[in-house]
Amino acid sequence: QVQLVESGGGLVQAGGSLRLSCAASGSISSINRMGWYRQGPGKQRELVATITSDGSTVYADSVKGRFTISRDNAKNTVYLQMNSLKPEDTTVYYCNAENPWTHYNYWGQGTQVTVSS
C-alpha cells in the first residue's frame, strides 16, 4: 500500500503562483510514475502532469509553459510549481502514484486550488 499526502493548495489571484507537494509513504518501491490530476464538479478527472522516477515528464497542453513538475526521490515527494495561474485552473488537484506492474493507481485526498480574477 502507498499513502499520498498533499499540501500547498489555497487561494491566489490570477497571475500568481502556488506550489503543491505530495509526500508518499508505505510501499514506495512499488511505484514509478507519480503525477497530478485535477477534477472539477461534474467533470472527469484530467491529467495535469506526470513524472517518472528517472525524470521523464508529461504535461497537459493547457499547463505547458506555466506548470513544472519535479520529484525528490530521496524524500519520496513530488511537486507541482504552478505559475501564471488562471481562474480556469480553479479546482481540486489530486496526487497520483502508479504501480507499473499491476497498473494500480493510488490517490491522495485532494487539495483545493482557487484562482480569483
Protein backbone atom coordinates (compact mmCIF):
# COMPACT_ATOMS: atom_id res chain seq x y z
CA GLN A 1 0.00 0.00 0.00
CA VAL A 2 1.04 3.56 -0.71
CA GLN A 3 -0.23 6.63 1.12
CA LEU A 4 -0.14 10.06 -0.53
CA VAL A 5 -0.46 13.29 1.42
CA GLU A 6 -0.85 16.56 -0.46
CA SER A 7 -0.26 20.09 0.71
CA GLY A 8 0.10 23.57 -0.72
CA GLY A 9 -3.29 24.41 -2.16
CA GLY A 10 -5.03 27.68 -1.43
CA LEU A 11 -6.36 30.93 -2.81
CA VAL A 12 -4.33 33.10 -5.16
CA GLN A 13 -5.01 35.94 -7.56
CA ALA A 14 -4.81 35.43 -11.30
CA GLY A 15 -1.20 35.60 -12.45
CA GLY A 16 0.05 34.35 -9.12
CA SER A 17 1.84 31.16 -8.14
CA LEU A 18 1.32 28.16 -5.90
CA ARG A 19 3.42 25.09 -5.17
CA LEU A 20 1.79 21.76 -4.44
CA SER A 21 3.62 18.97 -2.64
CA CYS A 22 2.79 15.28 -2.35
CA ALA A 23 4.64 13.02 0.06
CA ALA A 24 4.45 9.27 -0.49
CA SER A 25 4.87 6.67 2.21
CA GLY A 26 4.42 2.92 2.50
CA SER A 27 5.46 0.55 -0.28
CA ILE A 28 7.45 3.19 -2.19
CA SER A 29 9.40 0.61 -4.17
CA SER A 30 6.16 -0.43 -5.87
CA ILE A 31 5.63 2.88 -7.66
CA ASN A 32 7.31 4.56 -10.62
CA ARG A 33 5.27 7.31 -12.24
CA MET A 34 3.80 9.97 -9.99
CA GLY A 35 1.78 12.95 -11.01
CA TRP A 36 -1.02 15.42 -10.58
CA TYR A 37 -4.55 15.31 -11.86
CA ARG A 38 -7.44 17.70 -11.37
CA GLN A 39 -11.18 17.36 -11.31
CA GLY A 40 -13.90 19.96 -11.29
CA PRO A 41 -17.55 19.44 -10.26
CA GLY A 42 -19.31 17.22 -12.76
CA LYS A 43 -16.17 16.77 -14.81
CA GLN A 44 -13.86 13.87 -15.45
CA ARG A 45 -10.52 13.78 -13.70
CA GLU A 46 -7.86 15.05 -16.10
CA LEU A 47 -4.12 14.76 -16.25
CA VAL A 48 -2.09 17.82 -15.32
CA ALA A 49 1.46 16.44 -15.29
CA THR A 50 3.33 13.23 -14.56
CA ILE A 51 6.95 12.34 -13.86
CA THR A 52 8.73 9.01 -13.75
CA SER A 53 11.46 8.02 -11.33
CA ASP A 54 14.09 8.82 -13.98
CA GLY A 55 12.64 12.28 -14.57
CA SER A 56 10.62 11.88 -17.76
CA THR A 57 7.69 14.30 -17.77
CA VAL A 58 4.35 14.70 -19.49
CA TYR A 59 2.19 17.82 -19.35
CA ALA A 60 -1.33 18.67 -20.39
CA ASP A 61 -1.35 21.24 -23.20
CA SER A 62 -3.31 23.64 -21.00
CA VAL A 63 -0.49 23.91 -18.47
CA LYS A 64 2.62 23.68 -20.64
CA GLY A 65 4.94 26.60 -20.03
CA ARG A 66 3.16 27.54 -16.79
CA PHE A 67 3.42 24.47 -14.56
CA THR A 68 6.52 22.46 -13.70
CA ILE A 69 6.52 19.02 -12.10
CA SER A 70 9.54 17.80 -10.18
CA ARG A 71 10.43 14.95 -7.90
CA ASP A 72 12.75 14.31 -4.98
CA ASN A 73 13.23 10.55 -4.89
CA ALA A 74 15.17 10.73 -1.63
CA LYS A 75 12.15 12.36 0.05
CA ASN A 76 9.57 10.36 -1.94
CA THR A 77 7.93 13.66 -2.77
CA VAL A 78 6.58 15.13 -5.98
CA TYR A 79 6.00 18.85 -6.50
CA LEU A 80 3.92 20.93 -8.86
CA GLN A 81 5.04 24.52 -9.31
CA MET A 82 2.15 26.47 -10.78
CA ASN A 83 2.89 29.90 -12.24
CA SER A 84 0.75 32.38 -14.18
CA LEU A 85 -2.36 30.85 -12.68
CA LYS A 86 -5.69 31.48 -14.36
CA PRO A 87 -9.23 31.34 -12.96
CA GLU A 88 -9.84 28.24 -15.09
CA ASP A 89 -7.16 26.43 -13.08
CA THR A 90 -9.53 26.54 -10.11
CA THR A 91 -10.45 23.04 -8.98
CA VAL A 92 -9.31 20.17 -6.75
CA TYR A 93 -5.88 18.75 -7.51
CA TYR A 94 -5.08 15.12 -6.75
CA CYS A 95 -1.71 13.45 -6.37
CA ASN A 96 -1.33 10.11 -8.11
CA ALA A 97 1.13 7.23 -7.98
CA GLU A 98 1.08 4.20 -10.25
CA ASN A 99 2.34 0.67 -9.68
CA PRO A 100 3.94 -0.17 -13.05
CA TRP A 101 3.43 -3.92 -12.64
CA THR A 102 -0.22 -4.01 -11.62
CA HIS A 103 -1.17 -0.58 -13.03
CA TYR A 104 -2.95 0.08 -9.77
CA ASN A 105 -3.34 3.79 -9.07
CA TYR A 106 -3.06 5.36 -5.65
CA TRP A 107 -4.66 8.74 -4.96
CA GLY A 108 -4.25 11.48 -2.42
CA GLN A 109 -7.18 13.16 -0.70
CA GLY A 110 -7.07 16.21 -2.96
CA THR A 111 -6.19 19.83 -2.36
CA GLN A 112 -8.24 22.83 -3.44
CA VAL A 113 -6.72 25.48 -5.67
CA THR A 114 -8.73 28.65 -6.18
CA VAL A 115 -7.63 31.40 -8.55
CA SER A 116 -9.54 34.67 -8.30
CA SER A 117 -9.90 37.04 -11.22
